[in-house]
Structures are given as structure tokens and as C-alpha cells.
Amino acid sequence: MIRSFPALLCVLLFCGCQTTIERHGKTARHKELYVVIDDAGLALAEVRQFLDIPVPMTIAVLPHQKETKKVCSLIRNDGAKEVILHQPMEAYDRQKNPGFGAIHSTTRPDEVARILRQNLDSVQGAVGMNNHMGSRITENPKLMREVLQYCKDNDLFFLDSKTAYNSQVPLVALKQHMHVEERHLFLDVRHDREWVRRMWGRAVAHARINGYAVVIGHAWCKETAAAIRDSYQTLENQGYTFHKLSELYE
């Protein structure tokens, strides 16, 4: 399967038309890949497998975890990578614990800024944030208004991880005159090799057709690291480019 993966990518690269998309009146994007790796901060080894891949990526770090500070330091020392806060938020399934520093449905709007400030003190060097879990919160316009306003006031970008079907983030951002992006694909909802590589192939196709793709993987998934590591040279040879997420907000 390893030997055949670049060949499979070649099929994806050459099929269909080459499309460039004009966005927001800015420079058109063409075959751009924005890889975001969530859930960093739990173990150094998990992050190192992505830092060893020599392409730009964005690493989303959980606050107040065992290795949060060390992980942030490693990422900041890698010029090809950037740090964002992986902001814990309550999910619809209340049996799922979002972790330390979470925003809950019971959080008062005037508490949001303090929570974010404390979490950003933990995740040092963050240039933006995305939501960890958060289906219940991203559907709450009052709380998301506070989150986005904090980002706007502190020159941070926000990526909607799209864990909620009815996310209110785009509407709130529109009202606050903010540019937000959203995740297009998750790579590793299932952890098996075949699934991850199939999703990575779809991400590549999305970038070819739509000009760019924002894809989320997870630091604990070795198969995600392997899929990117095994294919990035093939992709670059075919004109695909890897980017830090912050470039979408410039």
C-alpha cells in the first residue's frame, strides 16, 4: 500500500480540470493545502512526528496540559510551523469532557475573555484559535460573539472546526465584520490506514477543484502523519503548496 499511495495521488492530481478560485476579491488560490493538527500538548512524541515533515503546518495546542509549554516551544522553533490555541468547548454529548479551560453553555458571556486570556497564557505564541469539540458552543451566538470579539481585539484569527451542523460562527463573524474560515475535511475520524489515506486523497482533490483545502488531523494519529509524509514530495512536484493557516487571513 505504501508503494501504491503516490500512484493513487497521481490519479487524483491529473483527473479533472485545474481550477483556480477567486476569494474575497483577493489573489486567486491554486492547489493550496492548509493542514491543521489538533490535540497537541499531550505528548512530545506525537507532535515531533509532524514537525519532522518539512512542510508548513498549523499545530493546535490544548491549554494547561502536561506538555503544553514544551510543545509550544518546539513548534515556535520550527519556522515552517505555527501555534494556535485549541480552545476547549462543550459538546452536545455532555459525557465528553472538553478538558481544562473550557467554555461551557453555562459560561457567562462576560467570563469568556478571562478564560481565553488564561488559555493563551498557557499556549504561548498562538496566532489564532480553533474549537476543540464545541458543537454546543459554536451553535450559541452569544458566546461565539464574545469569542470572536476577543479574537478581533487581540489580532487573532478563528477557524471553525465545524463540529456542529448548525454552527453560528459564519453569521456572527459576518455581523462583526470578521473573516473566518472553516474546516473542509477531517482526516482521521476513523484511525485506520485506508480511511486516513482516502480522506487525504479527497483533501487533495478539494484543493485542486476549489483552489485550497483546510484539513484537520490529530496529533495522536500516526496514520495521518504517515499519509502526509509519504505524499508531500509527490504533491509538491505536481504544483501543490503547503501553507500555514494564518496565510488565509492575510
C-alpha atoms as a PDB file:
ATOM      1  CA  MET A   1       0.000   0.000   0.000  1.00  0.00           C
ATOM      2  CA  ILE A   2       2.858   2.407   0.715  1.00  0.00           C
ATOM      3  CA  ARG A   3       4.301   1.981  -2.790  1.00  0.00           C
ATOM      4  CA  SER A   4       0.902   2.489  -4.406  1.00  0.00           C
ATOM      5  CA  PHE A   5      -0.080   5.616  -2.462  1.00  0.00           C
ATOM      6  CA  PRO A   6       1.900   8.123  -4.617  1.00  0.00           C
ATOM      7  CA  ALA A   7       0.448   6.447  -7.704  1.00  0.00           C
ATOM      8  CA  LEU A   8      -3.066   6.899  -6.315  1.00  0.00           C
ATOM      9  CA  LEU A   9      -2.309  10.553  -5.691  1.00  0.00           C
ATOM     10  CA  CYS A  10      -1.116  10.970  -9.262  1.00  0.00           C
ATOM     11  CA  VAL A  11      -4.521   9.789 -10.463  1.00  0.00           C
ATOM     12  CA  LEU A  12      -6.177  12.364  -8.235  1.00  0.00           C
ATOM     13  CA  LEU A  13      -3.811  15.080  -9.395  1.00  0.00           C
ATOM     14  CA  PHE A  14      -4.320  14.603 -13.101  1.00  0.00           C
ATOM     15  CA  CYS A  15      -8.037  13.837 -13.230  1.00  0.00           C
ATOM     16  CA  GLY A  16     -10.418  16.689 -13.855  1.00  0.00           C
ATOM     17  CA  CYS A  17      -9.758  20.284 -14.723  1.00  0.00           C
ATOM     18  CA  GLN A  18      -7.296  22.531 -12.946  1.00  0.00           C
ATOM     19  CA  THR A  19      -9.334  25.146 -11.143  1.00  0.00           C
ATOM     20  CA  THR A  20      -8.326  28.399  -9.514  1.00  0.00           C
ATOM     21  CA  ILE A  21     -10.791  30.137  -7.226  1.00  0.00           C
ATOM     22  CA  GLU A  22     -11.108  33.858  -6.618  1.00  0.00           C
ATOM     23  CA  ARG A  23     -11.927  34.562  -2.946  1.00  0.00           C
ATOM     24  CA  HIS A  24     -12.982  37.767  -1.210  1.00  0.00           C
ATOM     25  CA  GLY A  25     -11.641  39.853  -4.093  1.00  0.00           C
ATOM     26  CA  LYS A  26      -8.080  38.793  -3.221  1.00  0.00           C
ATOM     27  CA  THR A  27      -5.419  36.865  -5.106  1.00  0.00           C
ATOM     28  CA  ALA A  28      -6.795  33.634  -6.519  1.00  0.00           C
ATOM     29  CA  ARG A  29      -5.725  30.442  -4.764  1.00  0.00           C
ATOM     30  CA  HIS A  30      -4.480  27.394  -6.624  1.00  0.00           C
ATOM     31  CA  LYS A  31      -3.896  23.892  -5.191  1.00  0.00           C
ATOM     32  CA  GLU A  32      -3.127  25.123  -1.674  1.00  0.00           C
ATOM     33  CA  LEU A  33      -3.163  22.765   1.326  1.00  0.00           C
ATOM     34  CA  TYR A  34      -3.697  24.080   4.860  1.00  0.00           C
ATOM     35  CA  VAL A  35      -3.069  21.277   7.340  1.00  0.00           C
ATOM     36  CA  VAL A  36      -4.151  21.779  10.953  1.00  0.00           C
ATOM     37  CA  ILE A  37      -3.083  19.223  13.562  1.00  0.00           C
ATOM     38  CA  ASP A  38      -5.383  19.213  16.614  1.00  0.00           C
ATOM     39  CA  ASP A  39      -4.988  17.883  20.161  1.00  0.00           C
ATOM     40  CA  ALA A  40      -1.313  18.725  20.601  1.00  0.00           C
ATOM     41  CA  GLY A  41       0.011  19.169  24.121  1.00  0.00           C
ATOM     42  CA  LEU A  42      -0.484  15.671  25.492  1.00  0.00           C
ATOM     43  CA  ALA A  43       2.838  14.142  24.401  1.00  0.00           C
ATOM     44  CA  LEU A  44       6.000  15.472  22.762  1.00  0.00           C
ATOM     45  CA  ALA A  45       6.430  12.406  20.547  1.00  0.00           C
ATOM     46  CA  GLU A  46       3.030  12.974  18.965  1.00  0.00           C
ATOM     47  CA  VAL A  47       3.989  16.457  17.807  1.00  0.00           C
ATOM     48  CA  ARG A  48       7.517  15.518  16.699  1.00  0.00           C
ATOM     49  CA  GLN A  49       6.160  13.155  14.027  1.00  0.00           C
ATOM     50  CA  PHE A  50       4.595  16.205  12.324  1.00  0.00           C
ATOM     51  CA  LEU A  51       7.493  18.568  12.963  1.00  0.00           C
ATOM     52  CA  ASP A  52       9.706  16.049  11.139  1.00  0.00           C
ATOM     53  CA  ILE A  53       7.676  16.591   7.953  1.00  0.00           C
ATOM     54  CA  PRO A  54       9.346  19.578   6.226  1.00  0.00           C
ATOM     55  CA  VAL A  55       6.241  21.437   5.053  1.00  0.00           C
ATOM     56  CA  PRO A  56       4.264  24.313   6.620  1.00  0.00           C
ATOM     57  CA  MET A  57       1.510  23.271   9.026  1.00  0.00           C
ATOM     58  CA  THR A  58      -0.516  24.718  11.877  1.00  0.00           C
ATOM     59  CA  ILE A  59      -0.487  22.931  15.225  1.00  0.00           C
ATOM     60  CA  ALA A  60      -3.485  23.449  17.542  1.00  0.00           C
ATOM     61  CA  VAL A  61      -2.387  23.044  21.164  1.00  0.00           C
ATOM     62  CA  LEU A  62      -4.650  22.273  24.113  1.00  0.00           C
ATOM     63  CA  PRO A  63      -4.138  24.579  27.110  1.00  0.00           C
ATOM     64  CA  HIS A  64      -2.955  23.520  30.588  1.00  0.00           C
ATOM     65  CA  GLN A  65      -1.868  20.028  29.554  1.00  0.00           C
ATOM     66  CA  LYS A  66       1.191  18.119  30.727  1.00  0.00           C
ATOM     67  CA  GLU A  67       3.350  19.042  27.735  1.00  0.00           C
ATOM     68  CA  THR A  68       1.655  22.234  26.555  1.00  0.00           C
ATOM     69  CA  LYS A  69       4.572  24.597  27.195  1.00  0.00           C
ATOM     70  CA  LYS A  70       7.233  22.244  25.796  1.00  0.00           C
ATOM     71  CA  VAL A  71       5.141  21.540  22.707  1.00  0.00           C
ATOM     72  CA  CYS A  72       4.624  25.258  22.069  1.00  0.00           C
ATOM     73  CA  SER A  73       8.371  25.849  22.374  1.00  0.00           C
ATOM     74  CA  LEU A  74       9.123  23.074  19.870  1.00  0.00           C
ATOM     75  CA  ILE A  75       6.621  24.438  17.367  1.00  0.00           C
ATOM     76  CA  ARG A  76       7.834  28.026  17.680  1.00  0.00           C
ATOM     77  CA  ASN A  77      11.403  26.866  16.987  1.00  0.00           C
ATOM     78  CA  ASP A  78      10.263  25.305  13.701  1.00  0.00           C
ATOM     79  CA  GLY A  79       9.996  28.077  11.160  1.00  0.00           C
ATOM     80  CA  ALA A  80       7.634  26.052   8.963  1.00  0.00           C
ATOM     81  CA  LYS A  81       5.045  25.556  11.693  1.00  0.00           C
ATOM     82  CA  GLU A  82       2.818  27.851  13.766  1.00  0.00           C
ATOM     83  CA  VAL A  83       0.905  27.558  17.052  1.00  0.00           C
ATOM     84  CA  ILE A  84      -2.787  28.176  17.596  1.00  0.00           C
ATOM     85  CA  LEU A  85      -4.928  27.633  20.693  1.00  0.00           C
ATOM     86  CA  HIS A  86      -7.129  24.545  20.507  1.00  0.00           C
ATOM     87  CA  GLN A  87      -9.883  26.113  22.599  1.00  0.00           C
ATOM     88  CA  PRO A  88     -11.926  23.541  24.555  1.00  0.00           C
ATOM     89  CA  MET A  89     -15.678  23.986  24.236  1.00  0.00           C
ATOM     90  CA  GLU A  90     -18.647  21.974  25.435  1.00  0.00           C
ATOM     91  CA  ALA A  91     -20.004  19.324  23.075  1.00  0.00           C
ATOM     92  CA  TYR A  92     -23.607  18.194  22.737  1.00  0.00           C
ATOM     93  CA  ASP A  93     -22.616  14.929  24.341  1.00  0.00           C
ATOM     94  CA  ARG A  94     -22.046  16.053  27.913  1.00  0.00           C
ATOM     95  CA  GLN A  95     -20.328  12.745  28.652  1.00  0.00           C
ATOM     96  CA  LYS A  96     -17.376  14.079  26.637  1.00  0.00           C
ATOM     97  CA  ASN A  97     -15.052  16.170  28.765  1.00  0.00           C
ATOM     98  CA  PRO A  98     -13.563  19.061  26.727  1.00  0.00           C
ATOM     99  CA  GLY A  99     -10.775  19.490  29.267  1.00  0.00           C
ATOM    100  CA  PHE A 100      -9.223  22.337  31.219  1.00  0.00           C
ATOM    101  CA  GLY A 101     -10.074  25.904  30.244  1.00  0.00           C
ATOM    102  CA  ALA A 102     -13.331  25.011  28.523  1.00  0.00           C
ATOM    103  CA  ILE A 103     -16.182  27.309  27.602  1.00  0.00           C
ATOM    104  CA  HIS A 104     -19.464  25.716  28.676  1.00  0.00           C
ATOM    105  CA  SER A 105     -23.066  26.542  27.862  1.00  0.00           C
ATOM    106  CA  THR A 106     -23.321  27.784  31.457  1.00  0.00           C
ATOM    107  CA  THR A 107     -20.390  30.185  30.997  1.00  0.00           C
ATOM    108  CA  ARG A 108     -21.481  33.809  31.278  1.00  0.00           C
ATOM    109  CA  PRO A 109     -20.564  35.939  28.249  1.00  0.00           C
ATOM    110  CA  ASP A 110     -18.541  38.271  30.465  1.00  0.00           C
ATOM    111  CA  GLU A 111     -16.374  35.313  31.563  1.00  0.00           C
ATOM    112  CA  VAL A 112     -15.238  34.360  28.058  1.00  0.00           C
ATOM    113  CA  ALA A 113     -12.415  36.893  27.753  1.00  0.00           C
ATOM    114  CA  ARG A 114     -10.870  35.791  31.059  1.00  0.00           C
ATOM    115  CA  ILE A 115     -10.974  32.124  30.021  1.00  0.00           C
ATOM    116  CA  LEU A 116      -9.365  32.859  26.657  1.00  0.00           C
ATOM    117  CA  ARG A 117      -6.714  35.064  28.227  1.00  0.00           C
ATOM    118  CA  GLN A 118      -5.719  32.337  30.691  1.00  0.00           C
ATOM    119  CA  ASN A 119      -5.610  29.710  27.973  1.00  0.00           C
ATOM    120  CA  LEU A 120      -3.472  31.899  25.720  1.00  0.00           C
ATOM    121  CA  ASP A 121      -1.073  32.438  28.623  1.00  0.00           C
ATOM    122  CA  SER A 122      -0.674  28.651  28.610  1.00  0.00           C
ATOM    123  CA  VAL A 123      -0.408  28.270  24.813  1.00  0.00           C
ATOM    124  CA  GLN A 124       2.328  30.822  24.292  1.00  0.00           C
ATOM    125  CA  GLY A 125       2.911  32.223  20.835  1.00  0.00           C
ATOM    126  CA  ALA A 126      -0.547  31.368  19.496  1.00  0.00           C
ATOM    127  CA  VAL A 127      -1.529  33.396  16.419  1.00  0.00           C
ATOM    128  CA  GLY A 128      -5.143  32.213  16.335  1.00  0.00           C
ATOM    129  CA  MET A 129      -7.501  29.560  17.648  1.00  0.00           C
ATOM    130  CA  ASN A 130      -9.968  26.861  16.686  1.00  0.00           C
ATOM    131  CA  ASN A 131     -12.536  24.929  18.691  1.00  0.00           C
ATOM    132  CA  HIS A 132     -11.877  21.615  20.438  1.00  0.00           C
ATOM    133  CA  MET A 133     -15.202  19.740  20.420  1.00  0.00           C
ATOM    134  CA  GLY A 134     -17.596  22.671  20.860  1.00  0.00           C
ATOM    135  CA  SER A 135     -20.733  21.650  18.997  1.00  0.00           C
ATOM    136  CA  ARG A 136     -22.917  23.135  21.746  1.00  0.00           C
ATOM    137  CA  ILE A 137     -20.922  26.388  21.901  1.00  0.00           C
ATOM    138  CA  THR A 138     -20.445  27.127  18.207  1.00  0.00           C
ATOM    139  CA  GLU A 139     -24.249  26.990  17.912  1.00  0.00           C
ATOM    140  CA  ASN A 140     -24.535  29.608  20.680  1.00  0.00           C
ATOM    141  CA  PRO A 141     -24.334  33.079  19.069  1.00  0.00           C
ATOM    142  CA  LYS A 142     -23.999  34.952  22.380  1.00  0.00           C
ATOM    143  CA  LEU A 143     -20.915  33.036  23.464  1.00  0.00           C
ATOM    144  CA  MET A 144     -19.381  32.962  19.997  1.00  0.00           C
ATOM    145  CA  ARG A 145     -19.848  36.723  19.740  1.00  0.00           C
ATOM    146  CA  GLU A 146     -17.571  37.059  22.772  1.00  0.00           C
ATOM    147  CA  VAL A 147     -15.021  34.598  21.383  1.00  0.00           C
ATOM    148  CA  LEU A 148     -14.798  36.327  18.019  1.00  0.00           C
ATOM    149  CA  GLN A 149     -14.704  39.779  19.574  1.00  0.00           C
ATOM    150  CA  TYR A 150     -11.764  38.703  21.718  1.00  0.00           C
ATOM    151  CA  CYS A 151     -10.000  37.418  18.603  1.00  0.00           C
ATOM    152  CA  LYS A 152     -10.686  40.654  16.765  1.00  0.00           C
ATOM    153  CA  ASP A 153      -9.465  42.801  19.654  1.00  0.00           C
ATOM    154  CA  ASN A 154      -6.264  40.774  20.033  1.00  0.00           C
ATOM    155  CA  ASP A 155      -5.355  40.280  16.358  1.00  0.00           C
ATOM    156  CA  LEU A 156      -6.066  36.550  16.396  1.00  0.00           C
ATOM    157  CA  PHE A 157      -7.839  34.537  13.727  1.00  0.00           C
ATOM    158  CA  PHE A 158     -10.534  31.943  14.343  1.00  0.00           C
ATOM    159  CA  LEU A 159     -11.022  28.676  12.468  1.00  0.00           C
ATOM    160  CA  ASP A 160     -14.392  26.960  12.806  1.00  0.00           C
ATOM    161  CA  SER A 161     -13.605  23.250  13.132  1.00  0.00           C
ATOM    162  CA  LYS A 162     -17.212  22.594  12.037  1.00  0.00           C
ATOM    163  CA  THR A 163     -18.127  20.132  14.763  1.00  0.00           C
ATOM    164  CA  ALA A 164     -21.701  21.473  14.675  1.00  0.00           C
ATOM    165  CA  TYR A 165     -24.007  21.190  11.688  1.00  0.00           C
ATOM    166  CA  ASN A 166     -25.733  24.450  12.604  1.00  0.00           C
ATOM    167  CA  SER A 167     -22.645  26.452  13.549  1.00  0.00           C
ATOM    168  CA  GLN A 168     -23.416  30.131  14.096  1.00  0.00           C
ATOM    169  CA  VAL A 169     -19.786  31.194  13.589  1.00  0.00           C
ATOM    170  CA  PRO A 170     -20.188  32.431   9.975  1.00  0.00           C
ATOM    171  CA  LEU A 171     -23.250  34.528  10.810  1.00  0.00           C
ATOM    172  CA  VAL A 172     -21.695  36.012  13.958  1.00  0.00           C
ATOM    173  CA  ALA A 173     -18.484  36.776  12.075  1.00  0.00           C
ATOM    174  CA  LEU A 174     -20.438  38.495   9.307  1.00  0.00           C
ATOM    175  CA  LYS A 175     -22.175  40.742  11.823  1.00  0.00           C
ATOM    176  CA  GLN A 176     -18.817  41.581  13.417  1.00  0.00           C
ATOM    177  CA  HIS A 177     -17.150  42.213  10.049  1.00  0.00           C
ATOM    178  CA  MET A 178     -14.653  39.427  10.593  1.00  0.00           C
ATOM    179  CA  HIS A 179     -13.095  36.988   8.165  1.00  0.00           C
ATOM    180  CA  VAL A 180     -13.349  33.393   9.393  1.00  0.00           C
ATOM    181  CA  GLU A 181     -12.522  30.117   7.674  1.00  0.00           C
ATOM    182  CA  GLU A 182     -13.897  26.648   8.309  1.00  0.00           C
ATOM    183  CA  ARG A 183     -12.612  23.113   8.135  1.00  0.00           C
ATOM    184  CA  HIS A 184     -13.337  21.281   4.893  1.00  0.00           C
ATOM    185  CA  LEU A 185     -12.351  17.715   5.868  1.00  0.00           C
ATOM    186  CA  PHE A 186     -11.344  15.670   8.906  1.00  0.00           C
ATOM    187  CA  LEU A 187      -8.621  13.168   8.026  1.00  0.00           C
ATOM    188  CA  ASP A 188      -8.851  10.704  10.884  1.00  0.00           C
ATOM    189  CA  VAL A 189     -12.395  10.343  12.180  1.00  0.00           C
ATOM    190  CA  ARG A 190     -11.510   6.685  11.761  1.00  0.00           C
ATOM    191  CA  HIS A 191      -7.965   5.754  12.678  1.00  0.00           C
ATOM    192  CA  ASP A 192      -7.263   3.017  10.154  1.00  0.00           C
ATOM    193  CA  ARG A 193      -4.708   3.480   7.386  1.00  0.00           C
ATOM    194  CA  GLU A 194      -7.072   3.033   4.435  1.00  0.00           C
ATOM    195  CA  TRP A 195      -9.588   5.584   5.728  1.00  0.00           C
ATOM    196  CA  VAL A 196      -6.984   8.257   6.502  1.00  0.00           C
ATOM    197  CA  ARG A 197      -5.383   7.958   3.074  1.00  0.00           C
ATOM    198  CA  ARG A 198      -8.750   8.066   1.366  1.00  0.00           C
ATOM    199  CA  MET A 199      -9.600  11.292   3.217  1.00  0.00           C
ATOM    200  CA  TRP A 200      -6.193  12.781   2.383  1.00  0.00           C
ATOM    201  CA  GLY A 201      -6.861  11.994  -1.258  1.00  0.00           C
ATOM    202  CA  ARG A 202     -10.209  13.796  -1.001  1.00  0.00           C
ATOM    203  CA  ALA A 203      -8.466  16.790   0.569  1.00  0.00           C
ATOM    204  CA  VAL A 204      -6.052  16.929  -2.352  1.00  0.00           C
ATOM    205  CA  ALA A 205      -8.962  16.746  -4.795  1.00  0.00           C
ATOM    206  CA  HIS A 206     -10.781  19.516  -2.902  1.00  0.00           C
ATOM    207  CA  ALA A 207      -7.728  21.760  -3.213  1.00  0.00           C
ATOM    208  CA  ARG A 208      -7.484  21.044  -6.934  1.00  0.00           C
ATOM    209  CA  ILE A 209     -11.142  21.785  -7.598  1.00  0.00           C
ATOM    210  CA  ASN A 210     -11.668  24.686  -5.175  1.00  0.00           C
ATOM    211  CA  GLY A 211      -8.219  26.248  -5.094  1.00  0.00           C
ATOM    212  CA  TYR A 212      -7.494  25.342  -1.474  1.00  0.00           C
ATOM    213  CA  ALA A 213      -8.413  22.926   1.294  1.00  0.00           C
ATOM    214  CA  VAL A 214      -8.397  23.286   5.085  1.00  0.00           C
ATOM    215  CA  VAL A 215      -7.948  19.835   6.590  1.00  0.00           C
ATOM    216  CA  ILE A 216      -7.765  18.751  10.223  1.00  0.00           C
ATOM    217  CA  GLY A 217      -5.870  15.762  11.550  1.00  0.00           C
ATOM    218  CA  HIS A 218      -4.875  14.839  15.083  1.00  0.00           C
ATOM    219  CA  ALA A 219      -1.505  14.692  16.786  1.00  0.00           C
ATOM    220  CA  TRP A 220      -2.167  11.213  18.193  1.00  0.00           C
ATOM    221  CA  CYS A 221      -2.837   9.664  14.758  1.00  0.00           C
ATOM    222  CA  LYS A 222       0.300   8.068  13.298  1.00  0.00           C
ATOM    223  CA  GLU A 223      -1.565   7.242  10.098  1.00  0.00           C
ATOM    224  CA  THR A 224      -2.218  10.941   9.447  1.00  0.00           C
ATOM    225  CA  ALA A 225       1.479  11.744   9.821  1.00  0.00           C
ATOM    226  CA  ALA A 226       2.379   8.831   7.550  1.00  0.00           C
ATOM    227  CA  ALA A 227      -0.087   9.840   4.821  1.00  0.00           C
ATOM    228  CA  ILE A 228       1.325  13.371   4.643  1.00  0.00           C
ATOM    229  CA  ARG A 229       4.945  12.233   4.943  1.00  0.00           C
ATOM    230  CA  ASP A 230       4.554   9.651   2.161  1.00  0.00           C
ATOM    231  CA  SER A 231       2.952  12.069  -0.288  1.00  0.00           C
ATOM    232  CA  TYR A 232       4.187  15.630   0.228  1.00  0.00           C
ATOM    233  CA  GLN A 233       7.017  15.385  -2.323  1.00  0.00           C
ATOM    234  CA  THR A 234       4.686  13.987  -4.988  1.00  0.00           C
ATOM    235  CA  LEU A 235       2.218  16.761  -4.284  1.00  0.00           C
ATOM    236  CA  GLU A 236       4.841  19.499  -4.433  1.00  0.00           C
ATOM    237  CA  ASN A 237       6.162  18.112  -7.727  1.00  0.00           C
ATOM    238  CA  GLN A 238       2.647  18.491  -9.138  1.00  0.00           C
ATOM    239  CA  GLY A 239       2.305  22.132  -8.073  1.00  0.00           C
ATOM    240  CA  TYR A 240       0.519  21.751  -4.744  1.00  0.00           C
ATOM    241  CA  THR A 241       1.739  24.002  -1.958  1.00  0.00           C
ATOM    242  CA  PHE A 242       1.519  23.689   1.819  1.00  0.00           C
ATOM    243  CA  HIS A 243       0.732  26.745   3.939  1.00  0.00           C
ATOM    244  CA  LYS A 244       0.300  27.930   7.496  1.00  0.00           C
ATOM    245  CA  LEU A 245      -3.329  28.647   8.279  1.00  0.00           C
ATOM    246  CA  SER A 246      -2.562  32.279   9.109  1.00  0.00           C
ATOM    247  CA  GLU A 247      -1.856  32.907   5.421  1.00  0.00           C
ATOM    248  CA  LEU A 248      -5.588  32.522   4.718  1.00  0.00           C
ATOM    249  CA  TYR A 249      -6.269  35.549   6.900  1.00  0.00           C
ATOM    250  CA  GLU A 250      -3.720  37.930   5.403  1.00  0.00           C
END
